[in-house]
């Protein structure tokens, strides 16, 4: 009998505050139930293995605020162009390799800011300083897309990512950052929070929610991430 299983590669690391191990471990059972053999790597050296990447149907990357070598990046971009899917959440994909313009162009969005919940002199110096109650709005024209179909706008209390992006993205959901009296910007800013992108023969999926495991475990976020990974896979 022929083997119909697919290959998923998880590449994780970077800043521990995003719980790269815990969050990626939480998606492994889902991937396995959906027919993937899962390999986990704790660094980006695997991206230089072109022969292996050619067999990978999906890369799940959670690697915040890291750097990547030129040969590693070339391998990752080449794999996506050749049809390997790439997906992830939060800083693990949208704030991964600030040193690489080529990576940022492929992903289509770069973390720029998450607003604090109070003026600087009232903050405690902890992650929760940047946890703000905000709404994720499903784009009405994209409500039938399989990643967000059947979902309604929902609220989260976590980091609200302001990302720099371009109009090549297929934006499925947005969030609007408020302008408060102590903020330096003067009007609300709407920014993508869930998008897809096609790069060569490959598909890319990004969800900016997912700061820690408890956010990924929100029913709406978990649904979007799981559907997004399946959508991106070869």
Protein backbone atom coordinates (compact mmCIF):
# COMPACT_ATOMS: atom_id res chain seq x y z
CA UNK A 1 0.00 0.00 0.00
CA UNK A 2 1.39 3.43 -0.91
CA UNK A 3 2.34 5.88 1.81
CA UNK A 4 0.09 8.93 1.64
CA UNK A 5 1.52 10.68 4.70
CA UNK A 6 3.02 14.13 4.33
CA UNK A 7 6.11 15.67 5.93
CA UNK A 8 5.96 18.63 8.30
CA UNK A 9 9.05 20.39 9.61
CA UNK A 10 8.88 22.49 12.77
CA UNK A 11 11.72 25.00 13.16
CA UNK A 12 11.63 26.66 16.56
CA UNK A 13 13.79 28.84 18.77
CA UNK A 14 14.51 32.48 19.40
CA UNK A 15 13.05 34.40 22.32
CA UNK A 16 11.78 32.07 25.05
CA UNK A 17 9.03 34.49 26.07
CA UNK A 18 7.01 33.31 23.08
CA UNK A 19 7.17 29.72 24.32
CA UNK A 20 8.43 28.23 21.04
CA UNK A 21 8.61 24.71 22.50
CA UNK A 22 5.26 24.71 24.25
CA UNK A 23 3.34 26.29 21.36
CA UNK A 24 4.82 24.06 18.67
CA UNK A 25 4.40 20.96 20.82
CA UNK A 26 0.71 21.83 21.02
CA UNK A 27 0.24 21.60 17.24
CA UNK A 28 2.11 18.33 16.72
CA UNK A 29 -0.85 16.06 17.64
CA UNK A 30 -3.08 18.00 15.23
CA UNK A 31 -0.57 17.62 12.41
CA UNK A 32 -0.16 13.92 13.10
CA UNK A 33 -3.92 13.39 13.08
CA UNK A 34 -3.99 15.05 9.68
CA UNK A 35 -1.47 12.71 8.14
CA UNK A 36 1.87 14.44 8.73
CA UNK A 37 5.13 12.93 9.83
CA UNK A 38 6.60 15.66 12.02
CA UNK A 39 10.27 16.53 12.40
CA UNK A 40 11.39 19.15 14.93
CA UNK A 41 14.56 21.22 14.63
CA UNK A 42 15.84 23.68 17.22
CA UNK A 43 17.84 25.82 14.75
CA UNK A 44 17.79 26.93 11.12
CA UNK A 45 20.64 24.78 9.79
CA UNK A 46 18.07 22.35 8.34
CA UNK A 47 17.20 25.00 5.75
CA UNK A 48 20.50 24.19 4.00
CA UNK A 49 19.40 20.59 3.35
CA UNK A 50 17.85 21.04 -0.09
CA UNK A 51 17.24 17.34 -0.65
CA UNK A 52 15.27 17.03 2.58
CA UNK A 53 13.32 20.28 2.07
CA UNK A 54 12.20 19.01 -1.32
CA UNK A 55 10.27 16.32 0.56
CA UNK A 56 8.70 18.72 3.08
CA UNK A 57 5.07 19.69 2.52
CA UNK A 58 4.80 22.18 5.39
CA UNK A 59 7.24 24.23 7.46
CA UNK A 60 5.90 25.53 10.77
CA UNK A 61 8.26 28.22 12.00
CA UNK A 62 8.36 29.69 15.51
CA UNK A 63 11.68 31.50 15.74
CA UNK A 64 11.36 35.04 17.12
CA UNK A 65 14.01 37.77 16.91
CA UNK A 66 16.67 35.50 15.44
CA UNK A 67 19.17 35.84 12.64
CA UNK A 68 19.58 33.54 9.67
CA UNK A 69 22.57 32.79 7.48
CA UNK A 70 22.53 33.55 3.78
CA UNK A 71 22.68 29.87 2.78
CA UNK A 72 19.94 28.95 5.24
CA UNK A 73 17.67 31.71 3.99
CA UNK A 74 18.30 30.76 0.38
CA UNK A 75 17.27 27.22 1.21
CA UNK A 76 14.07 28.32 2.92
CA UNK A 77 13.04 30.68 0.13
CA UNK A 78 13.92 28.10 -2.50
CA UNK A 79 11.80 25.47 -0.78
CA UNK A 80 8.78 27.79 -0.63
CA UNK A 81 9.21 28.78 -4.27
CA UNK A 82 9.25 25.09 -5.17
CA UNK A 83 5.99 24.38 -3.33
CA UNK A 84 6.73 23.81 0.36
CA UNK A 85 4.11 25.54 2.50
CA UNK A 86 5.19 27.92 5.28
CA UNK A 87 3.03 28.90 8.23
CA UNK A 88 3.24 30.25 11.72
CA UNK A 89 1.99 32.68 14.29
CA UNK A 90 3.04 35.86 16.06
CA UNK A 91 6.73 36.74 16.25
CA UNK A 92 7.80 33.26 15.25
CA UNK A 93 7.06 34.12 11.64
CA UNK A 94 6.33 37.88 11.54
CA UNK A 95 9.34 38.91 13.64
CA UNK A 96 11.82 36.18 12.82
CA UNK A 97 14.75 37.54 10.79
CA UNK A 98 14.91 41.30 10.95
CA UNK A 99 18.29 41.21 9.20
CA UNK A 100 16.83 39.92 5.93
CA UNK A 101 14.89 42.03 3.44
CA UNK A 102 14.37 38.94 1.28
CA UNK A 103 12.65 37.13 4.14
CA UNK A 104 10.44 40.13 4.90
CA UNK A 105 9.43 40.40 1.25
CA UNK A 106 8.45 36.73 1.13
CA UNK A 107 6.44 36.83 4.38
CA UNK A 108 4.69 40.10 3.58
CA UNK A 109 4.56 41.58 7.05
CA UNK A 110 6.98 42.61 9.79
CA UNK A 111 6.20 43.31 13.43
CA UNK A 112 6.70 46.99 14.17
CA UNK A 113 5.05 47.63 17.54
CA UNK A 114 2.69 46.42 20.23
CA UNK A 115 1.16 49.22 22.23
CA UNK A 116 1.48 49.36 26.01
CA UNK A 117 -1.69 49.44 28.05
CA UNK A 118 -0.70 52.58 29.96
CA UNK A 119 1.84 55.42 29.86
CA UNK A 120 5.44 54.31 30.39
CA UNK A 121 5.66 55.60 33.97
CA UNK A 122 2.75 53.32 34.97
CA UNK A 123 4.17 50.07 33.58
CA UNK A 124 5.68 47.26 35.64
CA UNK A 125 8.32 45.98 33.24
CA UNK A 126 6.56 42.69 32.48
CA UNK A 127 4.97 41.07 29.42
CA UNK A 128 1.49 41.95 30.64
CA UNK A 129 2.32 45.64 30.19
CA UNK A 130 1.50 45.07 26.52
CA UNK A 131 -1.66 42.98 26.95
CA UNK A 132 -4.53 45.03 25.52
CA UNK A 133 -8.13 44.01 24.99
CA UNK A 134 -8.72 44.29 21.25
CA UNK A 135 -10.86 42.88 18.47
CA UNK A 136 -9.84 40.69 15.56
CA UNK A 137 -12.13 41.61 12.67
CA UNK A 138 -12.80 39.10 9.90
CA UNK A 139 -12.63 40.90 6.55
CA UNK A 140 -16.22 40.67 5.22
CA UNK A 141 -15.16 40.10 1.63
CA UNK A 142 -12.94 37.18 2.70
CA UNK A 143 -15.37 35.58 5.19
CA UNK A 144 -15.81 32.56 2.93
CA UNK A 145 -12.11 31.72 2.85
CA UNK A 146 -11.54 28.24 4.33
CA UNK A 147 -9.25 29.59 7.06
CA UNK A 148 -11.90 31.90 8.54
CA UNK A 149 -15.17 30.48 7.20
CA UNK A 150 -17.89 30.49 9.86
CA UNK A 151 -15.91 32.65 12.29
CA UNK A 152 -17.08 36.00 13.61
CA UNK A 153 -15.12 38.94 15.00
CA UNK A 154 -13.61 38.03 18.35
CA UNK A 155 -11.75 39.67 21.22
CA UNK A 156 -8.37 38.87 22.73
CA UNK A 157 -6.43 40.30 25.65
CA UNK A 158 -2.83 39.96 24.56
CA UNK A 159 -0.26 41.79 22.46
CA UNK A 160 -1.88 43.61 19.56
CA UNK A 161 0.58 43.45 16.69
CA UNK A 162 1.06 46.48 14.48
CA UNK A 163 2.71 45.10 11.34
CA UNK A 164 4.21 46.75 8.30
CA UNK A 165 2.80 45.03 5.22
CA UNK A 166 1.96 45.38 1.53
CA UNK A 167 -1.06 44.84 -0.69
CA UNK A 168 0.16 41.55 -2.16
CA UNK A 169 -1.22 39.87 0.98
CA UNK A 170 -4.64 38.29 0.96
CA UNK A 171 -5.78 39.75 4.26
CA UNK A 172 -8.37 37.62 6.04
CA UNK A 173 -8.60 39.51 9.35
CA UNK A 174 -7.49 42.87 10.71
CA UNK A 175 -7.22 44.66 14.02
CA UNK A 176 -7.43 48.38 14.71
CA UNK A 177 -4.91 49.95 17.08
CA UNK A 178 -6.47 52.79 19.05
CA UNK A 179 -4.91 56.24 19.28
CA UNK A 180 -4.88 57.34 22.92
CA UNK A 181 -3.82 60.66 24.34
CA UNK A 182 -0.41 59.32 25.37
CA UNK A 183 0.33 57.61 22.03
CA UNK A 184 2.54 59.36 19.46
CA UNK A 185 0.23 58.47 16.55
CA UNK A 186 -2.83 60.65 16.00
CA UNK A 187 -5.52 58.36 14.60
CA UNK A 188 -6.48 54.66 14.82
CA UNK A 189 -4.45 52.35 12.61
CA UNK A 190 -5.89 49.20 11.01
CA UNK A 191 -3.32 46.48 10.45
CA UNK A 192 -3.49 42.89 9.13
CA UNK A 193 -3.75 40.16 11.75
CA UNK A 194 -4.31 37.08 9.53
CA UNK A 195 -3.11 36.84 5.95
CA UNK A 196 -1.99 34.46 3.24
CA UNK A 197 0.50 34.94 0.45
CA UNK A 198 1.61 32.90 -2.54
CA UNK A 199 5.32 32.79 -3.34
CA UNK A 200 6.36 30.83 -6.38
CA UNK A 201 4.60 27.47 -6.09
CA UNK A 202 4.34 27.79 -2.29
CA UNK A 203 1.72 29.11 0.07
CA UNK A 204 2.37 31.23 3.18
CA UNK A 205 0.06 31.65 6.17
CA UNK A 206 0.53 34.15 9.01
CA UNK A 207 -1.54 34.74 12.17
CA UNK A 208 -0.20 37.55 14.36
CA UNK A 209 -2.04 36.32 17.47
CA UNK A 210 -0.29 33.61 19.47
CA UNK A 211 1.99 35.40 21.92
CA UNK A 212 1.98 32.44 24.32
CA UNK A 213 0.26 29.09 24.64
CA UNK A 214 -2.80 30.51 26.38
CA UNK A 215 -3.44 32.78 23.36
CA UNK A 216 -2.90 29.96 20.88
CA UNK A 217 -5.41 27.96 22.93
CA UNK A 218 -8.16 30.52 22.36
CA UNK A 219 -10.74 28.62 20.31
CA UNK A 220 -10.78 31.15 17.48
CA UNK A 221 -7.00 31.46 17.27
CA UNK A 222 -6.53 27.69 17.41
CA UNK A 223 -9.08 27.22 14.61
CA UNK A 224 -7.39 29.83 12.43
CA UNK A 225 -3.91 28.40 13.02
CA UNK A 226 -4.92 24.81 12.39
CA UNK A 227 -6.83 25.66 9.24
CA UNK A 228 -4.05 27.95 8.09
CA UNK A 229 -1.39 25.29 8.40
CA UNK A 230 -3.47 22.82 6.40
CA UNK A 231 -4.18 25.49 3.77
CA UNK A 232 -0.49 26.29 3.39
CA UNK A 233 0.70 22.69 3.07
CA UNK A 234 1.72 21.45 -0.35
